[in-house]
Amino acid sequence: MKPSDRYLKIVEWSENDQCYVGRCPGLMMGGVHGKDEESVYHELCEAVEEWIRIHGEDGTELPPPTAGKNYSGKFVLRIGEDLHEKLSLKALTEGDSLNNFCKKSLEKAL
């Protein structure tokens, strides 16, 4: 396995840019773009390899891997007392738990 295999690479269509955009979140800022999905992926892989090479030359530690990451389904979110109260009351008026109300709200946002 190459070190670059430890990092998630994403290529997706951008309506705003009207092209494919490739990025590697957690490893490098920015990304690559183009009209052909496969070409963008190959260019992204090259950029990731280069980024890792530069880290090695500079002696800087690589960020934690992002590929194959397992998610627990739990995270802590600090929202402030006022928003916490509003969400709790809204959930209560809808006859739902705060957790389930927030989960449904986040699913709708995606």
PDB file of N, CA and C in Angstrom:
ATOM      1  N   MET A   1       0.846  -1.179   0.000  1.00  0.00           N
ATOM      2  CA  MET A   1       0.000   0.000   0.000  1.00  0.00           C
ATOM      3  C   MET A   1       0.892   1.243   0.000  1.00  0.00           C
ATOM      4  N   LYS A   2       0.524   2.213  -0.815  1.00  0.00           N
ATOM      5  CA  LYS A   2       1.239   3.488  -0.869  1.00  0.00           C
ATOM      6  C   LYS A   2       0.703   4.411   0.220  1.00  0.00           C
ATOM      7  N   PRO A   3       1.516   5.330   0.712  1.00  0.00           N
ATOM      8  CA  PRO A   3       1.020   6.287   1.716  1.00  0.00           C
ATOM      9  C   PRO A   3      -0.214   7.059   1.237  1.00  0.00           C
ATOM     10  N   SER A   4      -0.298   7.324  -0.046  1.00  0.00           N
ATOM     11  CA  SER A   4      -1.441   8.083  -0.576  1.00  0.00           C
ATOM     12  C   SER A   4      -2.750   7.294  -0.500  1.00  0.00           C
ATOM     13  N   ASP A   5      -2.647   5.968  -0.392  1.00  0.00           N
ATOM     14  CA  ASP A   5      -3.853   5.137  -0.284  1.00  0.00           C
ATOM     15  C   ASP A   5      -4.579   5.350   1.041  1.00  0.00           C
ATOM     16  N   ARG A   6      -3.919   5.999   1.967  1.00  0.00           N
ATOM     17  CA  ARG A   6      -4.513   6.241   3.282  1.00  0.00           C
ATOM     18  C   ARG A   6      -5.400   7.489   3.311  1.00  0.00           C
ATOM     19  N   TYR A   7      -5.485   8.179   2.170  1.00  0.00           N
ATOM     20  CA  TYR A   7      -6.246   9.432   2.129  1.00  0.00           C
ATOM     21  C   TYR A   7      -7.394   9.346   1.131  1.00  0.00           C
ATOM     22  N   LEU A   8      -8.547   9.776   1.593  1.00  0.00           N
ATOM     23  CA  LEU A   8      -9.762   9.790   0.787  1.00  0.00           C
ATOM     24  C   LEU A   8      -9.612  10.795  -0.351  1.00  0.00           C
ATOM     25  N   LYS A   9      -9.947  10.367  -1.541  1.00  0.00           N
ATOM     26  CA  LYS A   9      -9.907  11.235  -2.718  1.00  0.00           C
ATOM     27  C   LYS A   9     -11.326  11.325  -3.279  1.00  0.00           C
ATOM     28  N   ILE A  10     -11.803  12.541  -3.474  1.00  0.00           N
ATOM     29  CA  ILE A  10     -13.179  12.752  -3.923  1.00  0.00           C
ATOM     30  C   ILE A  10     -13.165  13.521  -5.237  1.00  0.00           C
ATOM     31  N   VAL A  11     -13.899  13.001  -6.216  1.00  0.00           N
ATOM     32  CA  VAL A  11     -14.118  13.703  -7.475  1.00  0.00           C
ATOM     33  C   VAL A  11     -15.615  13.814  -7.654  1.00  0.00           C
ATOM     34  N   GLU A  12     -16.092  15.039  -7.824  1.00  0.00           N
ATOM     35  CA  GLU A  12     -17.524  15.249  -8.002  1.00  0.00           C
ATOM     36  C   GLU A  12     -17.775  16.413  -8.954  1.00  0.00           C
ATOM     37  N   TRP A  13     -18.953  16.402  -9.550  1.00  0.00           N
ATOM     38  CA  TRP A  13     -19.346  17.457 -10.469  1.00  0.00           C
ATOM     39  C   TRP A  13     -19.710  18.711  -9.682  1.00  0.00           C
ATOM     40  N   SER A  14     -19.236  19.857 -10.143  1.00  0.00           N
ATOM     41  CA  SER A  14     -19.560  21.138  -9.514  1.00  0.00           C
ATOM     42  C   SER A  14     -20.458  21.930 -10.447  1.00  0.00           C
ATOM     43  N   GLU A  15     -21.689  22.153 -10.014  1.00  0.00           N
ATOM     44  CA  GLU A  15     -22.618  22.972 -10.812  1.00  0.00           C
ATOM     45  C   GLU A  15     -22.094  24.400 -10.944  1.00  0.00           C
ATOM     46  N   ASN A  16     -21.519  24.917  -9.863  1.00  0.00           N
ATOM     47  CA  ASN A  16     -20.997  26.292  -9.887  1.00  0.00           C
ATOM     48  C   ASN A  16     -19.881  26.460 -10.906  1.00  0.00           C
ATOM     49  N   ASP A  17     -18.965  25.488 -10.950  1.00  0.00           N
ATOM     50  CA  ASP A  17     -17.807  25.587 -11.834  1.00  0.00           C
ATOM     51  C   ASP A  17     -18.038  24.937 -13.198  1.00  0.00           C
ATOM     52  N   GLN A  18     -19.108  24.147 -13.302  1.00  0.00           N
ATOM     53  CA  GLN A  18     -19.416  23.414 -14.532  1.00  0.00           C
ATOM     54  C   GLN A  18     -18.257  22.523 -14.987  1.00  0.00           C
ATOM     55  N   CYS A  19     -17.674  21.828 -13.996  1.00  0.00           N
ATOM     56  CA  CYS A  19     -16.609  20.872 -14.280  1.00  0.00           C
ATOM     57  C   CYS A  19     -16.496  19.929 -13.095  1.00  0.00           C
ATOM     58  N   TYR A  20     -15.669  18.905 -13.251  1.00  0.00           N
ATOM     59  CA  TYR A  20     -15.385  17.991 -12.147  1.00  0.00           C
ATOM     60  C   TYR A  20     -14.318  18.618 -11.249  1.00  0.00           C
ATOM     61  N   VAL A  21     -14.484  18.443  -9.961  1.00  0.00           N
ATOM     62  CA  VAL A  21     -13.526  18.961  -8.992  1.00  0.00           C
ATOM     63  C   VAL A  21     -13.047  17.789  -8.141  1.00  0.00           C
ATOM     64  N   GLY A  22     -11.745  17.655  -8.016  1.00  0.00           N
ATOM     65  CA  GLY A  22     -11.147  16.611  -7.209  1.00  0.00           C
ATOM     66  C   GLY A  22     -10.464  17.221  -6.002  1.00  0.00           C
ATOM     67  N   ARG A  23     -10.670  16.602  -4.840  1.00  0.00           N
ATOM     68  CA  ARG A  23     -10.050  17.116  -3.614  1.00  0.00           C
ATOM     69  C   ARG A  23      -9.688  15.962  -2.693  1.00  0.00           C
ATOM     70  N   CYS A  24      -8.811  16.264  -1.768  1.00  0.00           N
ATOM     71  CA  CYS A  24      -8.357  15.281  -0.789  1.00  0.00           C
ATOM     72  C   CYS A  24      -8.456  15.938   0.584  1.00  0.00           C
ATOM     73  N   PRO A  25      -9.671  15.924   1.167  1.00  0.00           N
ATOM     74  CA  PRO A  25      -9.867  16.612   2.444  1.00  0.00           C
ATOM     75  C   PRO A  25      -8.992  16.029   3.551  1.00  0.00           C
ATOM     76  N   GLY A  26      -8.485  16.927   4.364  1.00  0.00           N
ATOM     77  CA  GLY A  26      -7.645  16.504   5.465  1.00  0.00           C
ATOM     78  C   GLY A  26      -6.170  16.456   5.129  1.00  0.00           C
ATOM     79  N   LEU A  27      -5.840  16.396   3.845  1.00  0.00           N
ATOM     80  CA  LEU A  27      -4.424  16.322   3.452  1.00  0.00           C
ATOM     81  C   LEU A  27      -3.965  17.621   2.802  1.00  0.00           C
ATOM     82  N   MET A  28      -4.730  18.112   1.827  1.00  0.00           N
ATOM     83  CA  MET A  28      -4.292  19.294   1.092  1.00  0.00           C
ATOM     84  C   MET A  28      -5.456  20.251   0.855  1.00  0.00           C
ATOM     85  N   MET A  29      -5.138  21.522   0.867  1.00  0.00           N
ATOM     86  CA  MET A  29      -6.130  22.541   0.559  1.00  0.00           C
ATOM     87  C   MET A  29      -6.286  22.605  -0.963  1.00  0.00           C
ATOM     88  N   GLY A  30      -7.430  23.076  -1.403  1.00  0.00           N
ATOM     89  CA  GLY A  30      -7.645  23.194  -2.837  1.00  0.00           C
ATOM     90  C   GLY A  30      -7.859  21.852  -3.485  1.00  0.00           C
ATOM     91  N   GLY A  31      -7.642  21.811  -4.777  1.00  0.00           N
ATOM     92  CA  GLY A  31      -7.843  20.570  -5.494  1.00  0.00           C
ATOM     93  C   GLY A  31      -7.516  20.747  -6.958  1.00  0.00           C
ATOM     94  N   VAL A  32      -8.061  19.877  -7.771  1.00  0.00           N
ATOM     95  CA  VAL A  32      -7.854  19.922  -9.213  1.00  0.00           C
ATOM     96  C   VAL A  32      -9.223  19.919  -9.888  1.00  0.00           C
ATOM     97  N   HIS A  33      -9.254  20.361 -11.127  1.00  0.00           N
ATOM     98  CA  HIS A  33     -10.539  20.391 -11.821  1.00  0.00           C
ATOM     99  C   HIS A  33     -10.346  20.161 -13.314  1.00  0.00           C
ATOM    100  N   GLY A  34     -11.433  19.767 -13.970  1.00  0.00           N
ATOM    101  CA  GLY A  34     -11.402  19.540 -15.403  1.00  0.00           C
ATOM    102  C   GLY A  34     -12.734  19.003 -15.904  1.00  0.00           C
ATOM    103  N   LYS A  35     -12.836  18.821 -17.205  1.00  0.00           N
ATOM    104  CA  LYS A  35     -14.087  18.384 -17.826  1.00  0.00           C
ATOM    105  C   LYS A  35     -14.276  16.869 -17.843  1.00  0.00           C
ATOM    106  N   ASP A  36     -13.193  16.118 -17.619  1.00  0.00           N
ATOM    107  CA  ASP A  36     -13.256  14.658 -17.679  1.00  0.00           C
ATOM    108  C   ASP A  36     -13.014  14.075 -16.291  1.00  0.00           C
ATOM    109  N   GLU A  37     -13.990  13.319 -15.779  1.00  0.00           N
ATOM    110  CA  GLU A  37     -13.923  12.775 -14.416  1.00  0.00           C
ATOM    111  C   GLU A  37     -12.681  11.912 -14.199  1.00  0.00           C
ATOM    112  N   GLU A  38     -12.397  11.036 -15.130  1.00  0.00           N
ATOM    113  CA  GLU A  38     -11.257  10.131 -14.978  1.00  0.00           C
ATOM    114  C   GLU A  38      -9.933  10.886 -14.981  1.00  0.00           C
ATOM    115  N   SER A  39      -9.807  11.888 -15.847  1.00  0.00           N
ATOM    116  CA  SER A  39      -8.584  12.691 -15.890  1.00  0.00           C
ATOM    117  C   SER A  39      -8.387  13.472 -14.599  1.00  0.00           C
ATOM    118  N   VAL A  40      -9.483  13.975 -14.054  1.00  0.00           N
ATOM    119  CA  VAL A  40      -9.411  14.724 -12.799  1.00  0.00           C
ATOM    120  C   VAL A  40      -8.952  13.795 -11.679  1.00  0.00           C
ATOM    121  N   TYR A  41      -9.470  12.567 -11.669  1.00  0.00           N
ATOM    122  CA  TYR A  41      -9.056  11.618 -10.631  1.00  0.00           C
ATOM    123  C   TYR A  41      -7.559  11.321 -10.728  1.00  0.00           C
ATOM    124  N   HIS A  42      -7.060  11.086 -11.942  1.00  0.00           N
ATOM    125  CA  HIS A  42      -5.635  10.783 -12.107  1.00  0.00           C
ATOM    126  C   HIS A  42      -4.768  11.981 -11.711  1.00  0.00           C
ATOM    127  N   GLU A  43      -5.224  13.177 -12.063  1.00  0.00           N
ATOM    128  CA  GLU A  43      -4.489  14.389 -11.684  1.00  0.00           C
ATOM    129  C   GLU A  43      -4.509  14.571 -10.159  1.00  0.00           C
ATOM    130  N   LEU A  44      -5.635  14.257  -9.543  1.00  0.00           N
ATOM    131  CA  LEU A  44      -5.745  14.345  -8.092  1.00  0.00           C
ATOM    132  C   LEU A  44      -4.777  13.366  -7.423  1.00  0.00           C
ATOM    133  N   CYS A  45      -4.721  12.139  -7.934  1.00  0.00           N
ATOM    134  CA  CYS A  45      -3.796  11.145  -7.373  1.00  0.00           C
ATOM    135  C   CYS A  45      -2.355  11.630  -7.469  1.00  0.00           C
ATOM    136  N   GLU A  46      -1.997  12.244  -8.582  1.00  0.00           N
ATOM    137  CA  GLU A  46      -0.648  12.784  -8.746  1.00  0.00           C
ATOM    138  C   GLU A  46      -0.397  13.920  -7.761  1.00  0.00           C
ATOM    139  N   ALA A  47      -1.381  14.784  -7.581  1.00  0.00           N
ATOM    140  CA  ALA A  47      -1.240  15.907  -6.644  1.00  0.00           C
ATOM    141  C   ALA A  47      -1.061  15.398  -5.213  1.00  0.00           C
ATOM    142  N   VAL A  48      -1.798  14.363  -4.842  1.00  0.00           N
ATOM    143  CA  VAL A  48      -1.672  13.786  -3.500  1.00  0.00           C
ATOM    144  C   VAL A  48      -0.280  13.183  -3.313  1.00  0.00           C
ATOM    145  N   GLU A  49       0.191  12.452  -4.309  1.00  0.00           N
ATOM    146  CA  GLU A  49       1.546  11.880  -4.242  1.00  0.00           C
ATOM    147  C   GLU A  49       2.581  12.988  -4.073  1.00  0.00           C
ATOM    148  N   GLU A  50       2.423  14.068  -4.811  1.00  0.00           N
ATOM    149  CA  GLU A  50       3.351  15.198  -4.721  1.00  0.00           C
ATOM    150  C   GLU A  50       3.286  15.853  -3.348  1.00  0.00           C
ATOM    151  N   TRP A  51       2.089  16.010  -2.834  1.00  0.00           N
ATOM    152  CA  TRP A  51       1.903  16.615  -1.515  1.00  0.00           C
ATOM    153  C   TRP A  51       2.610  15.773  -0.443  1.00  0.00           C
ATOM    154  N   ILE A  52       2.464  14.473  -0.535  1.00  0.00           N
ATOM    155  CA  ILE A  52       3.108  13.574   0.427  1.00  0.00           C
ATOM    156  C   ILE A  52       4.631  13.633   0.281  1.00  0.00           C
ATOM    157  N   ARG A  53       5.107  13.706  -0.953  1.00  0.00           N
ATOM    158  CA  ARG A  53       6.550  13.807  -1.206  1.00  0.00           C
ATOM    159  C   ARG A  53       7.110  15.087  -0.578  1.00  0.00           C
ATOM    160  N   ILE A  54       6.404  16.196  -0.748  1.00  0.00           N
ATOM    161  CA  ILE A  54       6.843  17.479  -0.191  1.00  0.00           C
ATOM    162  C   ILE A  54       6.876  17.419   1.337  1.00  0.00           C
ATOM    163  N   HIS A  55       5.866  16.794   1.929  1.00  0.00           N
ATOM    164  CA  HIS A  55       5.866  16.619   3.393  1.00  0.00           C
ATOM    165  C   HIS A  55       7.125  15.876   3.827  1.00  0.00           C
ATOM    166  N   GLY A  56       7.468  14.826   3.105  1.00  0.00           N
ATOM    167  CA  GLY A  56       8.654  14.039   3.440  1.00  0.00           C
ATOM    168  C   GLY A  56       9.928  14.850   3.304  1.00  0.00           C
ATOM    169  N   GLU A  57      10.043  15.630   2.236  1.00  0.00           N
ATOM    170  CA  GLU A  57      11.237  16.459   2.029  1.00  0.00           C
ATOM    171  C   GLU A  57      11.360  17.531   3.106  1.00  0.00           C
ATOM    172  N   ASP A  58      10.219  18.099   3.509  1.00  0.00           N
ATOM    173  CA  ASP A  58      10.222  19.150   4.535  1.00  0.00           C
ATOM    174  C   ASP A  58      10.356  18.582   5.941  1.00  0.00           C
ATOM    175  N   GLY A  59      10.165  17.276   6.064  1.00  0.00           N
ATOM    176  CA  GLY A  59      10.236  16.649   7.378  1.00  0.00           C
ATOM    177  C   GLY A  59       9.017  16.931   8.238  1.00  0.00           C
ATOM    178  N   THR A  60       7.916  17.324   7.600  1.00  0.00           N
ATOM    179  CA  THR A  60       6.691  17.586   8.360  1.00  0.00           C
ATOM    180  C   THR A  60       5.844  16.323   8.420  1.00  0.00           C
ATOM    181  N   GLU A  61       5.176  16.172   9.533  1.00  0.00           N
ATOM    182  CA  GLU A  61       4.341  14.992   9.747  1.00  0.00           C
ATOM    183  C   GLU A  61       3.073  15.078   8.891  1.00  0.00           C
ATOM    184  N   LEU A  62       2.683  13.960   8.337  1.00  0.00           N
ATOM    185  CA  LEU A  62       1.442  13.910   7.565  1.00  0.00           C
ATOM    186  C   LEU A  62       0.240  13.963   8.498  1.00  0.00           C
ATOM    187  N   PRO A  63      -0.860  14.542   8.033  1.00  0.00           N
ATOM    188  CA  PRO A  63      -2.086  14.524   8.837  1.00  0.00           C
ATOM    189  C   PRO A  63      -2.596  13.092   8.996  1.00  0.00           C
ATOM    190  N   PRO A  64      -3.492  12.863   9.957  1.00  0.00           N
ATOM    191  CA  PRO A  64      -4.048  11.518  10.132  1.00  0.00           C
ATOM    192  C   PRO A  64      -4.758  11.037   8.858  1.00  0.00           C
ATOM    193  N   PRO A  65      -4.703   9.752   8.570  1.00  0.00           N
ATOM    194  CA  PRO A  65      -5.383   9.205   7.384  1.00  0.00           C
ATOM    195  C   PRO A  65      -6.892   9.475   7.410  1.00  0.00           C
ATOM    196  N   THR A  66      -7.471   9.595   6.221  1.00  0.00           N
ATOM    197  CA  THR A  66      -8.913   9.820   6.109  1.00  0.00           C
ATOM    198  C   THR A  66      -9.634   8.670   5.421  1.00  0.00           C
ATOM    199  N   ALA A  67      -8.922   7.803   4.731  1.00  0.00           N
ATOM    200  CA  ALA A  67      -9.557   6.669   4.048  1.00  0.00           C
ATOM    201  C   ALA A  67      -9.817   5.547   5.036  1.00  0.00           C
ATOM    202  N   GLY A  68     -10.920   4.860   4.858  1.00  0.00           N
ATOM    203  CA  GLY A  68     -11.242   3.714   5.694  1.00  0.00           C
ATOM    204  C   GLY A  68     -11.586   4.068   7.123  1.00  0.00           C
ATOM    205  N   LYS A  69     -11.882   5.334   7.361  1.00  0.00           N
ATOM    206  CA  LYS A  69     -12.194   5.785   8.713  1.00  0.00           C
ATOM    207  C   LYS A  69     -13.554   5.251   9.138  1.00  0.00           C
ATOM    208  N   ASN A  70     -13.632   4.791  10.368  1.00  0.00           N
ATOM    209  CA  ASN A  70     -14.904   4.335  10.932  1.00  0.00           C
ATOM    210  C   ASN A  70     -15.524   5.460  11.739  1.00  0.00           C
ATOM    211  N   TYR A  71     -16.821   5.600  11.632  1.00  0.00           N
ATOM    212  CA  TYR A  71     -17.544   6.653  12.343  1.00  0.00           C
ATOM    213  C   TYR A  71     -18.443   6.019  13.391  1.00  0.00           C
ATOM    214  N   SER A  72     -18.427   6.574  14.588  1.00  0.00           N
ATOM    215  CA  SER A  72     -19.174   5.993  15.705  1.00  0.00           C
ATOM    216  C   SER A  72     -20.661   6.314  15.645  1.00  0.00           C
ATOM    217  N   GLY A  73     -21.025   7.367  14.910  1.00  0.00           N
ATOM    218  CA  GLY A  73     -22.417   7.785  14.893  1.00  0.00           C
ATOM    219  C   GLY A  73     -22.719   8.791  15.995  1.00  0.00           C
ATOM    220  N   LYS A  74     -21.687   9.221  16.699  1.00  0.00           N
ATOM    221  CA  LYS A  74     -21.857  10.198  17.773  1.00  0.00           C
ATOM    222  C   LYS A  74     -20.842  11.310  17.603  1.00  0.00           C
ATOM    223  N   PHE A  75     -21.262  12.546  17.898  1.00  0.00           N
ATOM    224  CA  PHE A  75     -20.322  13.655  17.984  1.00  0.00           C
ATOM    225  C   PHE A  75     -20.901  14.719  18.907  1.00  0.00           C
ATOM    226  N   VAL A  76     -20.029  15.533  19.473  1.00  0.00           N
ATOM    227  CA  VAL A  76     -20.450  16.581  20.398  1.00  0.00           C
ATOM    228  C   VAL A  76     -20.501  17.889  19.625  1.00  0.00           C
ATOM    229  N   LEU A  77     -21.575  18.614  19.811  1.00  0.00           N
ATOM    230  CA  LEU A  77     -21.764  19.881  19.119  1.00  0.00           C
ATOM    231  C   LEU A  77     -22.111  20.951  20.136  1.00  0.00           C
ATOM    232  N   ARG A  78     -21.288  21.985  20.207  1.00  0.00           N
ATOM    233  CA  ARG A  78     -21.561  23.085  21.126  1.00  0.00           C
ATOM    234  C   ARG A  78     -22.347  24.142  20.369  1.00  0.00           C
ATOM    235  N   ILE A  79     -23.550  24.461  20.860  1.00  0.00           N
ATOM    236  CA  ILE A  79     -24.441  25.351  20.111  1.00  0.00           C
ATOM    237  C   ILE A  79     -24.901  26.566  20.899  1.00  0.00           C
ATOM    238  N   GLY A  80     -24.582  26.648  22.141  1.00  0.00           N
ATOM    239  CA  GLY A  80     -25.022  27.768  22.970  1.00  0.00           C
ATOM    240  C   GLY A  80     -26.354  27.458  23.641  1.00  0.00           C
ATOM    241  N   GLU A  81     -26.568  28.100  24.758  1.00  0.00           N
ATOM    242  CA  GLU A  81     -27.757  27.810  25.563  1.00  0.00           C
ATOM    243  C   GLU A  81     -29.059  28.200  24.856  1.00  0.00           C
ATOM    244  N   ASP A  82     -29.078  29.345  24.183  1.00  0.00           N
ATOM    245  CA  ASP A  82     -30.307  29.800  23.522  1.00  0.00           C
ATOM    246  C   ASP A  82     -30.760  28.836  22.424  1.00  0.00           C
ATOM    247  N   LEU A  83     -29.827  28.430  21.570  1.00  0.00           N
ATOM    248  CA  LEU A  83     -30.188  27.498  20.497  1.00  0.00           C
ATOM    249  C   LEU A  83     -30.571  26.139  21.074  1.00  0.00           C
ATOM    250  N   HIS A  84     -29.894  25.719  22.112  1.00  0.00           N
ATOM    251  CA  HIS A  84     -30.222  24.451  22.769  1.00  0.00           C
ATOM    252  C   HIS A  84     -31.671  24.489  23.264  1.00  0.00           C
ATOM    253  N   GLU A  85     -32.034  25.595  23.883  1.00  0.00           N
ATOM    254  CA  GLU A  85     -33.403  25.740  24.382  1.00  0.00           C
ATOM    255  C   GLU A  85     -34.409  25.724  23.232  1.00  0.00           C
ATOM    256  N   LYS A  86     -34.138  26.473  22.169  1.00  0.00           N
ATOM    257  CA  LYS A  86     -35.061  26.524  21.023  1.00  0.00           C
ATOM    258  C   LYS A  86     -35.245  25.143  20.392  1.00  0.00           C
ATOM    259  N   LEU A  87     -34.145  24.430  20.214  1.00  0.00           N
ATOM    260  CA  LEU A  87     -34.228  23.089  19.627  1.00  0.00           C
ATOM    261  C   LEU A  87     -34.997  22.136  20.532  1.00  0.00           C
ATOM    262  N   SER A  88     -34.732  22.214  21.826  1.00  0.00           N
ATOM    263  CA  SER A  88     -35.430  21.347  22.783  1.00  0.00           C
ATOM    264  C   SER A  88     -36.930  21.606  22.770  1.00  0.00           C
ATOM    265  N   LEU A  89     -37.308  22.876  22.754  1.00  0.00           N
ATOM    266  CA  LEU A  89     -38.732  23.220  22.743  1.00  0.00           C
ATOM    267  C   LEU A  89     -39.395  22.809  21.435  1.00  0.00           C
ATOM    268  N   LYS A  90     -38.702  23.000  20.324  1.00  0.00           N
ATOM    269  CA  LYS A  90     -39.247  22.604  19.018  1.00  0.00           C
ATOM    270  C   LYS A  90     -39.443  21.089  18.974  1.00  0.00           C
ATOM    271  N   ALA A  91     -38.471  20.341  19.467  1.00  0.00           N
ATOM    272  CA  ALA A  91     -38.582  18.882  19.507  1.00  0.00           C
ATOM    273  C   ALA A  91     -39.754  18.469  20.391  1.00  0.00           C
ATOM    274  N   LEU A  92     -39.883  19.115  21.519  1.00  0.00           N
ATOM    275  CA  LEU A  92     -40.963  18.804  22.450  1.00  0.00           C
ATOM    276  C   LEU A  92     -42.326  19.063  21.820  1.00  0.00           C
ATOM    277  N   THR A  93     -42.466  20.188  21.113  1.00  0.00           N
ATOM    278  CA  THR A  93     -43.759  20.508  20.488  1.00  0.00           C
ATOM    279  C   THR A  93     -44.094  19.544  19.352  1.00  0.00           C
ATOM    280  N   GLU A  94     -43.065  18.933  18.772  1.00  0.00           N
ATOM    281  CA  GLU A  94     -43.294  17.949  17.711  1.00  0.00           C
ATOM    282  C   GLU A  94     -43.385  16.533  18.261  1.00  0.00           C
ATOM    283  N   GLY A  95     -43.317  16.405  19.595  1.00  0.00           N
ATOM    284  CA  GLY A  95     -43.433  15.093  20.219  1.00  0.00           C
ATOM    285  C   GLY A  95     -42.253  14.191  19.929  1.00  0.00           C
ATOM    286  N   ASP A  96     -41.071  14.793  19.807  1.00  0.00           N
ATOM    287  CA  ASP A  96     -39.881  14.029  19.448  1.00  0.00           C
ATOM    288  C   ASP A  96     -38.789  14.279  20.488  1.00  0.00           C
ATOM    289  N   SER A  97     -37.813  13.386  20.533  1.00  0.00           N
ATOM    290  CA  SER A  97     -36.658  13.625  21.402  1.00  0.00           C
ATOM    291  C   SER A  97     -35.766  14.661  20.726  1.00  0.00           C
ATOM    292  N   LEU A  98     -34.968  15.337  21.510  1.00  0.00           N
ATOM    293  CA  LEU A  98     -34.034  16.318  20.955  1.00  0.00           C
ATOM    294  C   LEU A  98     -33.078  15.641  19.983  1.00  0.00           C
ATOM    295  N   ASN A  99     -32.570  14.480  20.347  1.00  0.00           N
ATOM    296  CA  ASN A  99     -31.643  13.759  19.491  1.00  0.00           C
ATOM    297  C   ASN A  99     -32.268  13.418  18.137  1.00  0.00           C
ATOM    298  N   ASN A 100     -33.473  12.851  18.161  1.00  0.00           N
ATOM    299  CA  ASN A 100     -34.117  12.455  16.917  1.00  0.00           C
ATOM    300  C   ASN A 100     -34.509  13.670  16.076  1.00  0.00           C
ATOM    301  N   PHE A 101     -34.960  14.739  16.731  1.00  0.00           N
ATOM    302  CA  PHE A 101     -35.318  15.966  16.018  1.00  0.00           C
ATOM    303  C   PHE A 101     -34.090  16.544  15.303  1.00  0.00           C
ATOM    304  N   CYS A 102     -32.965  16.609  15.995  1.00  0.00           N
ATOM    305  CA  CYS A 102     -31.735  17.140  15.394  1.00  0.00           C
ATOM    306  C   CYS A 102     -31.249  16.237  14.263  1.00  0.00           C
ATOM    307  N   LYS A 103     -31.339  14.921  14.460  1.00  0.00           N
ATOM    308  CA  LYS A 103     -30.927  13.970  13.417  1.00  0.00           C
ATOM    309  C   LYS A 103     -31.741  14.186  12.155  1.00  0.00           C
ATOM    310  N   LYS A 104     -33.057  14.296  12.294  1.00  0.00           N
ATOM    311  CA  LYS A 104     -33.920  14.519  11.128  1.00  0.00           C
ATOM    312  C   LYS A 104     -33.616  15.860  10.472  1.00  0.00           C
ATOM    313  N   SER A 105     -33.358  16.882  11.269  1.00  0.00           N
ATOM    314  CA  SER A 105     -33.037  18.207  10.726  1.00  0.00           C
ATOM    315  C   SER A 105     -31.734  18.174   9.932  1.00  0.00           C
ATOM    316  N   LEU A 106     -30.734  17.474  10.448  1.00  0.00           N
ATOM    317  CA  LEU A 106     -29.469  17.370   9.728  1.00  0.00           C
ATOM    318  C   LEU A 106     -29.633  16.573   8.435  1.00  0.00           C
ATOM    319  N   GLU A 107     -30.434  15.519   8.470  1.00  0.00           N
ATOM    320  CA  GLU A 107     -30.666  14.729   7.260  1.00  0.00           C
ATOM    321  C   GLU A 107     -31.337  15.568   6.187  1.00  0.00           C
ATOM    322  N   LYS A 108     -32.276  16.424   6.575  1.00  0.00           N
ATOM    323  CA  LYS A 108     -32.943  17.312   5.621  1.00  0.00           C
ATOM    324  C   LYS A 108     -31.966  18.319   5.020  1.00  0.00           C
ATOM    325  N   ALA A 109     -31.015  18.784   5.833  1.00  0.00           N
ATOM    326  CA  ALA A 109     -30.050  19.787   5.377  1.00  0.00           C
ATOM    327  C   ALA A 109     -29.102  19.242   4.315  1.00  0.00           C
ATOM    328  N   LEU A 110     -28.913  17.924   4.311  1.00  0.00           N
ATOM    329  CA  LEU A 110     -28.010  17.327   3.341  1.00  0.00           C
ATOM    330  C   LEU A 110     -28.730  17.088   2.042  1.00  0.00           C
TER     331      LEU A 110
END
